N, C-alpha and C. Protein backbone atom coordinates (compact mmCIF):
# COMPACT_ATOMS: atom_id res chain seq x y z
N MET A 1 15.85 6.88 -39.14
CA MET A 1 14.75 6.28 -38.44
C MET A 1 15.04 6.29 -36.94
N THR A 2 14.10 6.77 -36.14
CA THR A 2 14.26 6.83 -34.70
C THR A 2 13.50 5.69 -34.05
N THR A 3 14.15 5.05 -33.11
CA THR A 3 13.50 3.96 -32.38
C THR A 3 13.07 4.48 -31.02
N THR A 4 11.81 4.28 -30.68
CA THR A 4 11.32 4.68 -29.38
C THR A 4 11.38 3.49 -28.44
N LEU A 5 12.07 3.67 -27.32
CA LEU A 5 12.18 2.59 -26.35
C LEU A 5 11.03 2.65 -25.36
N HIS A 6 10.54 1.49 -24.98
CA HIS A 6 9.57 1.43 -23.90
C HIS A 6 10.30 1.65 -22.58
N PHE A 7 9.57 2.03 -21.55
CA PHE A 7 10.15 2.30 -20.24
C PHE A 7 10.97 1.11 -19.74
N ASP A 8 10.43 -0.10 -19.86
CA ASP A 8 11.16 -1.27 -19.36
C ASP A 8 12.49 -1.44 -20.10
N GLN A 9 12.53 -1.09 -21.39
CA GLN A 9 13.78 -1.18 -22.15
C GLN A 9 14.77 -0.09 -21.70
N GLU A 10 14.26 1.11 -21.43
CA GLU A 10 15.14 2.18 -20.93
C GLU A 10 15.76 1.79 -19.60
N VAL A 11 14.96 1.21 -18.70
CA VAL A 11 15.47 0.77 -17.41
C VAL A 11 16.51 -0.33 -17.60
N MET A 12 16.25 -1.25 -18.51
CA MET A 12 17.22 -2.32 -18.76
C MET A 12 18.53 -1.75 -19.29
N ASN A 13 18.47 -0.72 -20.12
CA ASN A 13 19.70 -0.08 -20.61
C ASN A 13 20.48 0.53 -19.45
N LEU A 14 19.79 1.13 -18.49
CA LEU A 14 20.47 1.69 -17.32
C LEU A 14 21.09 0.59 -16.47
N LEU A 15 20.45 -0.56 -16.41
CA LEU A 15 20.94 -1.67 -15.59
C LEU A 15 22.02 -2.49 -16.27
N HIS A 16 22.16 -2.36 -17.58
CA HIS A 16 23.06 -3.21 -18.36
C HIS A 16 24.47 -3.24 -17.78
N ALA A 17 25.00 -2.10 -17.41
CA ALA A 17 26.37 -2.04 -16.91
C ALA A 17 26.52 -2.72 -15.55
N ALA A 18 25.43 -2.80 -14.79
CA ALA A 18 25.50 -3.38 -13.45
C ALA A 18 25.50 -4.90 -13.46
N GLY A 19 25.18 -5.51 -14.58
CA GLY A 19 25.10 -6.96 -14.64
C GLY A 19 23.78 -7.44 -14.06
N GLY A 20 23.75 -8.66 -13.57
CA GLY A 20 22.50 -9.20 -13.04
C GLY A 20 21.60 -9.67 -14.17
N GLU A 21 20.57 -10.37 -13.80
CA GLU A 21 19.64 -10.94 -14.77
C GLU A 21 18.57 -9.92 -15.16
N PRO A 22 17.98 -10.08 -16.35
CA PRO A 22 16.92 -9.16 -16.78
C PRO A 22 15.71 -9.24 -15.84
N LEU A 23 15.04 -8.11 -15.69
CA LEU A 23 13.86 -8.06 -14.82
C LEU A 23 12.75 -8.97 -15.32
N SER A 24 12.75 -9.26 -16.60
CA SER A 24 11.71 -10.13 -17.17
C SER A 24 11.80 -11.56 -16.63
N THR A 25 12.93 -11.92 -16.00
CA THR A 25 13.07 -13.27 -15.44
C THR A 25 12.53 -13.37 -14.02
N CYS A 26 12.03 -12.26 -13.48
CA CYS A 26 11.49 -12.24 -12.12
C CYS A 26 10.30 -13.19 -12.02
N ILE A 27 10.29 -14.05 -11.00
CA ILE A 27 9.18 -14.99 -10.80
C ILE A 27 8.19 -14.49 -9.75
N GLN A 28 8.36 -13.25 -9.31
CA GLN A 28 7.45 -12.62 -8.35
C GLN A 28 7.32 -13.43 -7.05
N CYS A 29 8.45 -13.95 -6.56
CA CYS A 29 8.44 -14.74 -5.33
C CYS A 29 8.37 -13.86 -4.09
N ALA A 30 8.68 -12.58 -4.24
CA ALA A 30 8.64 -11.58 -3.16
C ALA A 30 9.76 -11.75 -2.14
N MET A 31 10.80 -12.50 -2.47
CA MET A 31 11.93 -12.63 -1.56
C MET A 31 12.60 -11.27 -1.34
N CYS A 32 12.64 -10.45 -2.39
CA CYS A 32 13.23 -9.11 -2.27
C CYS A 32 12.44 -8.27 -1.27
N SER A 33 11.13 -8.32 -1.36
CA SER A 33 10.28 -7.53 -0.48
C SER A 33 10.34 -8.03 0.96
N ALA A 34 10.37 -9.36 1.12
CA ALA A 34 10.41 -9.94 2.46
C ALA A 34 11.72 -9.63 3.18
N SER A 35 12.80 -9.47 2.44
CA SER A 35 14.10 -9.21 3.06
C SER A 35 14.43 -7.73 3.18
N CYS A 36 13.54 -6.86 2.70
CA CYS A 36 13.82 -5.42 2.68
C CYS A 36 13.43 -4.75 3.99
N PRO A 37 14.40 -4.17 4.73
CA PRO A 37 14.06 -3.49 5.97
C PRO A 37 13.30 -2.18 5.75
N ALA A 38 13.37 -1.63 4.57
CA ALA A 38 12.69 -0.36 4.28
C ALA A 38 11.31 -0.56 3.66
N ALA A 39 10.94 -1.79 3.34
CA ALA A 39 9.67 -2.07 2.66
C ALA A 39 8.44 -1.47 3.36
N PRO A 40 8.37 -1.48 4.70
CA PRO A 40 7.18 -0.90 5.34
C PRO A 40 6.99 0.60 5.05
N PHE A 41 8.05 1.26 4.62
CA PHE A 41 7.99 2.70 4.37
C PHE A 41 7.83 3.02 2.88
N MET A 42 7.74 2.00 2.06
CA MET A 42 7.66 2.17 0.61
C MET A 42 6.21 2.18 0.13
N ASP A 43 5.96 2.97 -0.91
CA ASP A 43 4.64 2.95 -1.55
C ASP A 43 4.37 1.59 -2.19
N ASP A 44 5.38 1.07 -2.86
CA ASP A 44 5.28 -0.21 -3.55
C ASP A 44 6.46 -1.06 -3.11
N SER A 45 6.24 -2.33 -2.87
CA SER A 45 7.34 -3.22 -2.51
C SER A 45 8.27 -3.37 -3.71
N PRO A 46 9.51 -3.81 -3.48
CA PRO A 46 10.41 -4.04 -4.62
C PRO A 46 9.80 -5.03 -5.63
N ARG A 47 9.12 -6.07 -5.15
CA ARG A 47 8.48 -7.03 -6.05
C ARG A 47 7.45 -6.35 -6.93
N ARG A 48 6.61 -5.52 -6.32
CA ARG A 48 5.57 -4.82 -7.09
C ARG A 48 6.20 -3.83 -8.08
N LEU A 49 7.28 -3.17 -7.67
CA LEU A 49 7.94 -2.22 -8.56
C LEU A 49 8.46 -2.93 -9.82
N ILE A 50 9.04 -4.12 -9.64
CA ILE A 50 9.51 -4.89 -10.79
C ILE A 50 8.34 -5.28 -11.68
N ALA A 51 7.22 -5.66 -11.08
CA ALA A 51 6.02 -6.01 -11.87
C ALA A 51 5.52 -4.80 -12.65
N LEU A 52 5.55 -3.62 -12.03
CA LEU A 52 5.11 -2.39 -12.72
C LEU A 52 6.03 -2.06 -13.89
N ILE A 53 7.34 -2.27 -13.70
CA ILE A 53 8.29 -2.02 -14.79
C ILE A 53 8.04 -3.00 -15.93
N ASN A 54 7.88 -4.27 -15.59
CA ASN A 54 7.62 -5.28 -16.63
C ASN A 54 6.32 -5.02 -17.37
N ALA A 55 5.38 -4.35 -16.70
CA ALA A 55 4.10 -3.99 -17.35
C ALA A 55 4.22 -2.66 -18.09
N ASP A 56 5.42 -2.05 -18.08
CA ASP A 56 5.69 -0.80 -18.78
C ASP A 56 4.84 0.37 -18.24
N LEU A 57 4.62 0.38 -16.92
CA LEU A 57 3.81 1.42 -16.28
C LEU A 57 4.71 2.51 -15.69
N ARG A 58 5.36 3.24 -16.57
CA ARG A 58 6.35 4.26 -16.22
C ARG A 58 5.84 5.26 -15.19
N ASP A 59 4.67 5.83 -15.42
CA ASP A 59 4.17 6.88 -14.53
C ASP A 59 3.95 6.37 -13.11
N GLN A 60 3.43 5.14 -12.98
CA GLN A 60 3.22 4.57 -11.66
C GLN A 60 4.55 4.32 -10.96
N VAL A 61 5.53 3.85 -11.71
CA VAL A 61 6.85 3.59 -11.13
C VAL A 61 7.48 4.88 -10.64
N LEU A 62 7.47 5.91 -11.48
CA LEU A 62 8.13 7.16 -11.12
C LEU A 62 7.37 7.94 -10.05
N ALA A 63 6.09 7.65 -9.84
CA ALA A 63 5.33 8.30 -8.78
C ALA A 63 5.58 7.64 -7.42
N SER A 64 6.23 6.50 -7.42
CA SER A 64 6.49 5.75 -6.20
C SER A 64 7.69 6.33 -5.44
N ASN A 65 7.68 6.19 -4.12
CA ASN A 65 8.83 6.61 -3.32
C ASN A 65 9.80 5.45 -3.10
N THR A 66 9.50 4.29 -3.64
CA THR A 66 10.24 3.07 -3.34
C THR A 66 11.74 3.20 -3.58
N PHE A 67 12.14 3.67 -4.73
CA PHE A 67 13.57 3.72 -5.04
C PHE A 67 14.29 4.82 -4.27
N TRP A 68 13.56 5.81 -3.77
CA TRP A 68 14.17 6.84 -2.93
C TRP A 68 14.25 6.37 -1.48
N THR A 69 13.43 5.40 -1.09
CA THR A 69 13.39 4.90 0.28
C THR A 69 14.39 3.77 0.50
N CYS A 70 14.84 3.15 -0.56
CA CYS A 70 15.77 2.01 -0.48
C CYS A 70 16.98 2.37 0.37
N ALA A 71 17.32 1.48 1.32
CA ALA A 71 18.46 1.71 2.22
C ALA A 71 19.78 1.20 1.65
N SER A 72 19.77 0.63 0.47
CA SER A 72 20.97 0.12 -0.20
C SER A 72 21.70 -0.92 0.65
N CYS A 73 20.95 -1.78 1.31
CA CYS A 73 21.57 -2.83 2.14
C CYS A 73 21.90 -4.07 1.32
N PHE A 74 21.34 -4.18 0.12
CA PHE A 74 21.58 -5.28 -0.82
C PHE A 74 21.06 -6.63 -0.35
N ALA A 75 20.21 -6.66 0.70
CA ALA A 75 19.61 -7.93 1.15
C ALA A 75 18.77 -8.54 0.02
N CYS A 76 18.06 -7.70 -0.72
CA CYS A 76 17.23 -8.18 -1.83
C CYS A 76 18.08 -8.86 -2.90
N THR A 77 19.21 -8.26 -3.21
CA THR A 77 20.10 -8.78 -4.24
C THR A 77 20.70 -10.12 -3.80
N GLU A 78 21.09 -10.20 -2.54
CA GLU A 78 21.68 -11.44 -2.02
C GLU A 78 20.69 -12.59 -2.03
N ARG A 79 19.42 -12.29 -1.83
CA ARG A 79 18.43 -13.36 -1.66
C ARG A 79 17.62 -13.69 -2.91
N CYS A 80 17.80 -12.95 -3.98
CA CYS A 80 17.00 -13.21 -5.18
C CYS A 80 17.39 -14.55 -5.80
N PRO A 81 16.43 -15.49 -5.91
CA PRO A 81 16.77 -16.80 -6.48
C PRO A 81 17.03 -16.77 -7.99
N ARG A 82 16.67 -15.67 -8.65
CA ARG A 82 16.85 -15.57 -10.10
C ARG A 82 18.09 -14.75 -10.48
N GLY A 83 18.79 -14.20 -9.49
CA GLY A 83 20.00 -13.43 -9.79
C GLY A 83 19.72 -12.00 -10.24
N ILE A 84 18.51 -11.52 -10.01
CA ILE A 84 18.17 -10.13 -10.33
C ILE A 84 18.80 -9.24 -9.26
N ASP A 85 19.15 -8.03 -9.60
CA ASP A 85 19.78 -7.10 -8.67
C ASP A 85 18.84 -5.93 -8.38
N PRO A 86 17.86 -6.11 -7.48
CA PRO A 86 16.92 -5.03 -7.19
C PRO A 86 17.59 -3.77 -6.63
N ALA A 87 18.69 -3.92 -5.90
CA ALA A 87 19.37 -2.74 -5.34
C ALA A 87 19.90 -1.86 -6.47
N GLN A 88 20.50 -2.47 -7.50
CA GLN A 88 20.97 -1.68 -8.64
C GLN A 88 19.80 -1.08 -9.40
N LEU A 89 18.68 -1.79 -9.41
CA LEU A 89 17.47 -1.24 -10.04
C LEU A 89 17.07 0.06 -9.35
N MET A 90 17.14 0.09 -8.02
CA MET A 90 16.77 1.30 -7.28
C MET A 90 17.69 2.46 -7.65
N TYR A 91 18.99 2.18 -7.76
CA TYR A 91 19.93 3.21 -8.20
C TYR A 91 19.60 3.69 -9.61
N ALA A 92 19.31 2.74 -10.49
CA ALA A 92 18.99 3.08 -11.88
C ALA A 92 17.74 3.95 -11.96
N LEU A 93 16.74 3.63 -11.15
CA LEU A 93 15.51 4.42 -11.16
C LEU A 93 15.74 5.82 -10.60
N ARG A 94 16.61 5.95 -9.62
CA ARG A 94 16.96 7.29 -9.11
C ARG A 94 17.60 8.12 -10.23
N ARG A 95 18.56 7.50 -10.93
CA ARG A 95 19.23 8.21 -12.03
C ARG A 95 18.23 8.57 -13.12
N TYR A 96 17.38 7.64 -13.47
CA TYR A 96 16.38 7.88 -14.52
C TYR A 96 15.45 9.02 -14.11
N SER A 97 14.99 9.00 -12.87
CA SER A 97 14.07 10.01 -12.37
C SER A 97 14.70 11.41 -12.44
N ILE A 98 15.95 11.51 -12.03
CA ILE A 98 16.64 12.81 -12.08
C ILE A 98 16.90 13.20 -13.53
N TRP A 99 17.35 12.26 -14.34
CA TRP A 99 17.64 12.52 -15.76
C TRP A 99 16.41 13.05 -16.47
N LYS A 100 15.26 12.42 -16.24
CA LYS A 100 14.03 12.83 -16.90
C LYS A 100 13.30 13.95 -16.17
N GLY A 101 13.73 14.25 -14.94
CA GLY A 101 13.07 15.30 -14.16
C GLY A 101 11.65 14.93 -13.78
N VAL A 102 11.41 13.63 -13.59
CA VAL A 102 10.06 13.16 -13.28
C VAL A 102 10.09 12.42 -11.94
N HIS A 103 9.36 12.94 -10.99
CA HIS A 103 9.22 12.27 -9.69
C HIS A 103 8.06 12.93 -8.94
N ARG A 104 7.62 12.25 -7.92
CA ARG A 104 6.53 12.77 -7.12
C ARG A 104 7.02 14.00 -6.36
N GLU A 105 6.15 14.98 -6.20
CA GLU A 105 6.53 16.19 -5.47
C GLU A 105 6.72 15.88 -3.99
N ASN A 106 7.47 16.73 -3.33
CA ASN A 106 7.72 16.66 -1.89
C ASN A 106 8.57 15.46 -1.47
N LEU A 107 9.30 14.88 -2.39
CA LEU A 107 10.26 13.84 -2.03
C LEU A 107 11.60 14.51 -1.78
N VAL A 108 12.28 14.13 -0.71
CA VAL A 108 13.58 14.71 -0.38
C VAL A 108 14.65 14.18 -1.33
N GLY A 109 14.56 12.93 -1.72
CA GLY A 109 15.61 12.26 -2.50
C GLY A 109 16.09 12.98 -3.74
N PRO A 110 15.19 13.37 -4.66
CA PRO A 110 15.67 14.01 -5.89
C PRO A 110 16.41 15.32 -5.64
N ASP A 111 15.88 16.16 -4.76
CA ASP A 111 16.53 17.44 -4.48
C ASP A 111 17.86 17.21 -3.78
N PHE A 112 17.90 16.28 -2.84
CA PHE A 112 19.14 15.97 -2.15
C PHE A 112 20.19 15.47 -3.14
N SER A 113 19.79 14.59 -4.04
CA SER A 113 20.73 14.05 -5.03
C SER A 113 21.32 15.15 -5.90
N ARG A 114 20.47 16.07 -6.37
CA ARG A 114 20.96 17.18 -7.19
C ARG A 114 21.94 18.05 -6.40
N ARG A 115 21.59 18.37 -5.17
CA ARG A 115 22.49 19.19 -4.33
C ARG A 115 23.81 18.47 -4.07
N PHE A 116 23.73 17.17 -3.83
CA PHE A 116 24.93 16.38 -3.58
C PHE A 116 25.85 16.40 -4.79
N VAL A 117 25.30 16.18 -5.98
CA VAL A 117 26.11 16.18 -7.20
C VAL A 117 26.73 17.56 -7.42
N ARG A 118 25.95 18.61 -7.22
CA ARG A 118 26.51 19.97 -7.38
C ARG A 118 27.67 20.20 -6.42
N THR A 119 27.52 19.74 -5.18
CA THR A 119 28.59 19.90 -4.19
C THR A 119 29.83 19.13 -4.60
N ILE A 120 29.65 17.92 -5.08
CA ILE A 120 30.79 17.11 -5.53
C ILE A 120 31.48 17.79 -6.72
N LEU A 121 30.70 18.32 -7.65
CA LEU A 121 31.30 18.98 -8.81
C LEU A 121 32.00 20.28 -8.43
N ARG A 122 31.48 20.97 -7.43
CA ARG A 122 32.07 22.23 -7.00
C ARG A 122 33.38 22.02 -6.23
N ASN A 123 33.42 20.98 -5.37
CA ASN A 123 34.56 20.80 -4.47
C ASN A 123 35.37 19.54 -4.72
N GLY A 124 34.79 18.58 -5.44
CA GLY A 124 35.46 17.31 -5.62
C GLY A 124 35.18 16.33 -4.50
N LYS A 125 34.45 16.77 -3.50
CA LYS A 125 34.07 15.90 -2.38
C LYS A 125 32.85 16.48 -1.68
N SER A 126 32.30 15.70 -0.80
CA SER A 126 31.08 16.11 -0.10
C SER A 126 31.36 17.22 0.92
N TYR A 127 30.39 18.10 1.08
CA TYR A 127 30.44 19.14 2.11
C TYR A 127 29.03 19.27 2.68
N GLU A 128 28.75 18.49 3.72
CA GLU A 128 27.40 18.39 4.27
C GLU A 128 26.79 19.73 4.67
N PRO A 129 27.54 20.64 5.30
CA PRO A 129 26.90 21.91 5.68
C PRO A 129 26.36 22.69 4.48
N GLY A 130 26.84 22.38 3.29
CA GLY A 130 26.37 23.08 2.10
C GLY A 130 24.97 22.70 1.67
N TYR A 131 24.53 21.48 1.97
CA TYR A 131 23.19 21.09 1.56
C TYR A 131 22.30 20.66 2.72
N ALA A 132 22.85 20.49 3.90
CA ALA A 132 22.04 20.10 5.06
C ALA A 132 20.98 21.13 5.43
N PRO A 133 21.28 22.44 5.37
CA PRO A 133 20.25 23.41 5.78
C PRO A 133 18.94 23.29 5.01
N ALA A 134 18.99 22.84 3.78
CA ALA A 134 17.77 22.72 2.99
C ALA A 134 16.85 21.62 3.52
N PHE A 135 17.41 20.67 4.28
CA PHE A 135 16.63 19.52 4.75
C PHE A 135 16.46 19.51 6.26
N ILE A 136 16.92 20.54 6.93
CA ILE A 136 16.92 20.55 8.38
C ILE A 136 15.51 20.52 8.97
N TRP A 137 14.53 21.00 8.23
CA TRP A 137 13.16 21.04 8.74
C TRP A 137 12.41 19.74 8.53
N GLU A 138 13.02 18.77 7.86
CA GLU A 138 12.32 17.51 7.57
C GLU A 138 11.84 16.81 8.84
N GLY A 139 12.58 16.93 9.94
CA GLY A 139 12.18 16.30 11.20
C GLY A 139 11.35 17.20 12.08
N GLY A 140 10.86 18.31 11.52
CA GLY A 140 10.08 19.26 12.31
C GLY A 140 10.99 20.05 13.24
N PHE A 141 10.38 20.83 14.11
CA PHE A 141 11.16 21.68 15.01
C PHE A 141 12.07 20.88 15.95
N PRO A 142 11.57 19.80 16.60
CA PRO A 142 12.46 19.02 17.48
C PRO A 142 13.65 18.44 16.72
N GLY A 143 13.42 17.97 15.51
CA GLY A 143 14.52 17.44 14.70
C GLY A 143 15.52 18.51 14.34
N MET A 144 15.03 19.70 14.03
CA MET A 144 15.92 20.82 13.69
C MET A 144 16.79 21.18 14.89
N VAL A 145 16.19 21.23 16.09
CA VAL A 145 16.96 21.56 17.30
C VAL A 145 18.06 20.52 17.52
N ARG A 146 17.73 19.24 17.37
CA ARG A 146 18.75 18.18 17.53
C ARG A 146 19.88 18.34 16.51
N GLU A 147 19.53 18.65 15.27
CA GLU A 147 20.55 18.82 14.23
C GLU A 147 21.47 20.00 14.54
N VAL A 148 20.88 21.11 14.97
CA VAL A 148 21.68 22.30 15.29
C VAL A 148 22.59 22.01 16.48
N GLN A 149 22.06 21.33 17.50
CA GLN A 149 22.89 20.98 18.66
C GLN A 149 24.06 20.08 18.24
N GLY A 150 23.78 19.12 17.40
CA GLY A 150 24.84 18.24 16.91
C GLY A 150 25.88 19.00 16.11
N ALA A 151 25.42 19.92 15.26
CA ALA A 151 26.34 20.73 14.46
C ALA A 151 27.22 21.60 15.35
N LEU A 152 26.65 22.17 16.39
CA LEU A 152 27.44 23.01 17.31
C LEU A 152 28.50 22.18 18.03
N ARG A 153 28.17 20.96 18.44
CA ARG A 153 29.17 20.08 19.07
C ARG A 153 30.31 19.79 18.09
N LEU A 154 29.96 19.50 16.84
CA LEU A 154 30.98 19.23 15.83
C LEU A 154 31.85 20.45 15.57
N LEU A 155 31.23 21.62 15.54
CA LEU A 155 31.99 22.87 15.34
C LEU A 155 32.99 23.08 16.46
N ARG A 156 32.54 22.90 17.70
CA ARG A 156 33.43 23.10 18.86
C ARG A 156 34.63 22.16 18.83
N LYS A 157 34.43 20.97 18.30
CA LYS A 157 35.51 19.98 18.25
C LYS A 157 36.33 20.08 16.97
N GLY A 158 36.00 21.04 16.12
CA GLY A 158 36.75 21.22 14.88
C GLY A 158 36.45 20.17 13.82
N ARG A 159 35.30 19.50 13.93
CA ARG A 159 34.94 18.43 13.00
C ARG A 159 33.98 18.88 11.91
N LEU A 160 33.58 20.14 11.94
CA LEU A 160 32.64 20.66 10.95
C LEU A 160 33.24 21.93 10.35
N PRO A 161 33.84 21.82 9.18
CA PRO A 161 34.47 23.00 8.58
C PRO A 161 33.43 24.02 8.12
N LEU A 162 33.72 25.29 8.34
CA LEU A 162 32.81 26.35 7.90
C LEU A 162 32.96 26.63 6.41
N ILE A 163 34.15 26.39 5.88
CA ILE A 163 34.42 26.63 4.46
C ILE A 163 34.83 25.30 3.84
N PRO A 164 34.20 24.93 2.72
CA PRO A 164 34.56 23.64 2.11
C PRO A 164 35.96 23.66 1.52
N SER A 165 36.66 22.54 1.67
CA SER A 165 37.96 22.42 1.02
C SER A 165 37.74 21.75 -0.33
N ARG A 166 38.71 21.92 -1.21
CA ARG A 166 38.62 21.33 -2.55
C ARG A 166 39.75 20.34 -2.74
N ILE A 167 39.50 19.39 -3.61
CA ILE A 167 40.53 18.41 -3.92
C ILE A 167 41.54 19.03 -4.88
N LYS A 168 42.72 18.41 -4.96
CA LYS A 168 43.71 18.82 -5.95
C LYS A 168 43.20 18.39 -7.32
N ASP A 169 43.55 19.11 -8.34
CA ASP A 169 43.17 18.81 -9.72
C ASP A 169 41.66 18.65 -9.89
N LEU A 170 40.93 19.65 -9.43
CA LEU A 170 39.47 19.65 -9.53
C LEU A 170 39.03 19.61 -10.99
N ASP A 171 39.74 20.30 -11.87
CA ASP A 171 39.38 20.29 -13.29
C ASP A 171 39.51 18.89 -13.89
N GLY A 172 40.56 18.17 -13.53
CA GLY A 172 40.74 16.80 -14.00
C GLY A 172 39.63 15.90 -13.48
N PHE A 173 39.24 16.10 -12.23
CA PHE A 173 38.14 15.34 -11.64
C PHE A 173 36.84 15.59 -12.41
N ARG A 174 36.57 16.85 -12.71
CA ARG A 174 35.34 17.20 -13.44
C ARG A 174 35.34 16.59 -14.84
N ARG A 175 36.49 16.59 -15.51
CA ARG A 175 36.57 15.97 -16.84
C ARG A 175 36.29 14.47 -16.75
N MET A 176 36.85 13.83 -15.74
CA MET A 176 36.63 12.40 -15.56
C MET A 176 35.15 12.11 -15.30
N ILE A 177 34.53 12.87 -14.42
CA ILE A 177 33.11 12.68 -14.11
C ILE A 177 32.27 12.95 -15.35
N GLY A 178 32.62 13.97 -16.13
CA GLY A 178 31.89 14.30 -17.35
C GLY A 178 31.90 13.18 -18.37
N ARG A 179 32.94 12.34 -18.34
CA ARG A 179 32.99 11.19 -19.25
C ARG A 179 32.13 10.03 -18.76
N ILE A 180 31.86 10.02 -17.47
CA ILE A 180 31.12 8.91 -16.87
C ILE A 180 29.62 9.15 -16.88
N ILE A 181 29.21 10.35 -16.48
CA ILE A 181 27.77 10.65 -16.37
C ILE A 181 27.45 11.94 -17.10
N PRO A 182 26.24 12.02 -17.64
CA PRO A 182 25.84 13.30 -18.25
C PRO A 182 25.65 14.33 -17.14
N LEU A 183 26.15 15.54 -17.36
CA LEU A 183 26.10 16.56 -16.32
C LEU A 183 25.19 17.72 -16.67
N GLU A 184 24.24 17.52 -17.58
CA GLU A 184 23.35 18.61 -17.93
C GLU A 184 22.60 19.07 -16.68
N GLY A 185 22.50 20.36 -16.52
CA GLY A 185 21.75 20.91 -15.40
C GLY A 185 22.53 20.97 -14.10
N PHE A 186 23.79 20.54 -14.09
CA PHE A 186 24.57 20.56 -12.86
C PHE A 186 25.73 21.54 -12.92
N GLU A 187 25.76 22.39 -13.92
CA GLU A 187 26.88 23.33 -14.05
C GLU A 187 26.84 24.37 -12.95
């Protein structure tokens, strides 16, 4: 017999390891939204996102840019009177979105996350020049010029390697990561 989980139950399973109180205990006080510096740039406030999850409105939640816009400052978590951890919720929704391959088009977050994970799996550590070119146009032409100028300054000072270095025991690192997170699609 197969049990089908509702979206809110799937999200709770993702949050289980992080601790914090269940989203169903949210009193919709909006303290999370009021303390969020990124809220003006979000489609839905953190409070509204929690309400959408509790209403089991998966498609609306995953169409939102809210969890990709989160600055991970944890102000919401510190101020929640019910002990809910909205910051961990944002991380969980990012993981869920990538895992299910469901998100709004033209968001930088999902593609960046996939590229970042691939880079980590390939080298054992981050290598910004490997994935930065894909996002260099996000700020338009003036932003691209600033990025290139900054990269050239870093190159001249020897702070931007042209070839990524790898960690020792990369195979051991990959085995460890494979036990922690599913790596389908990142080979």
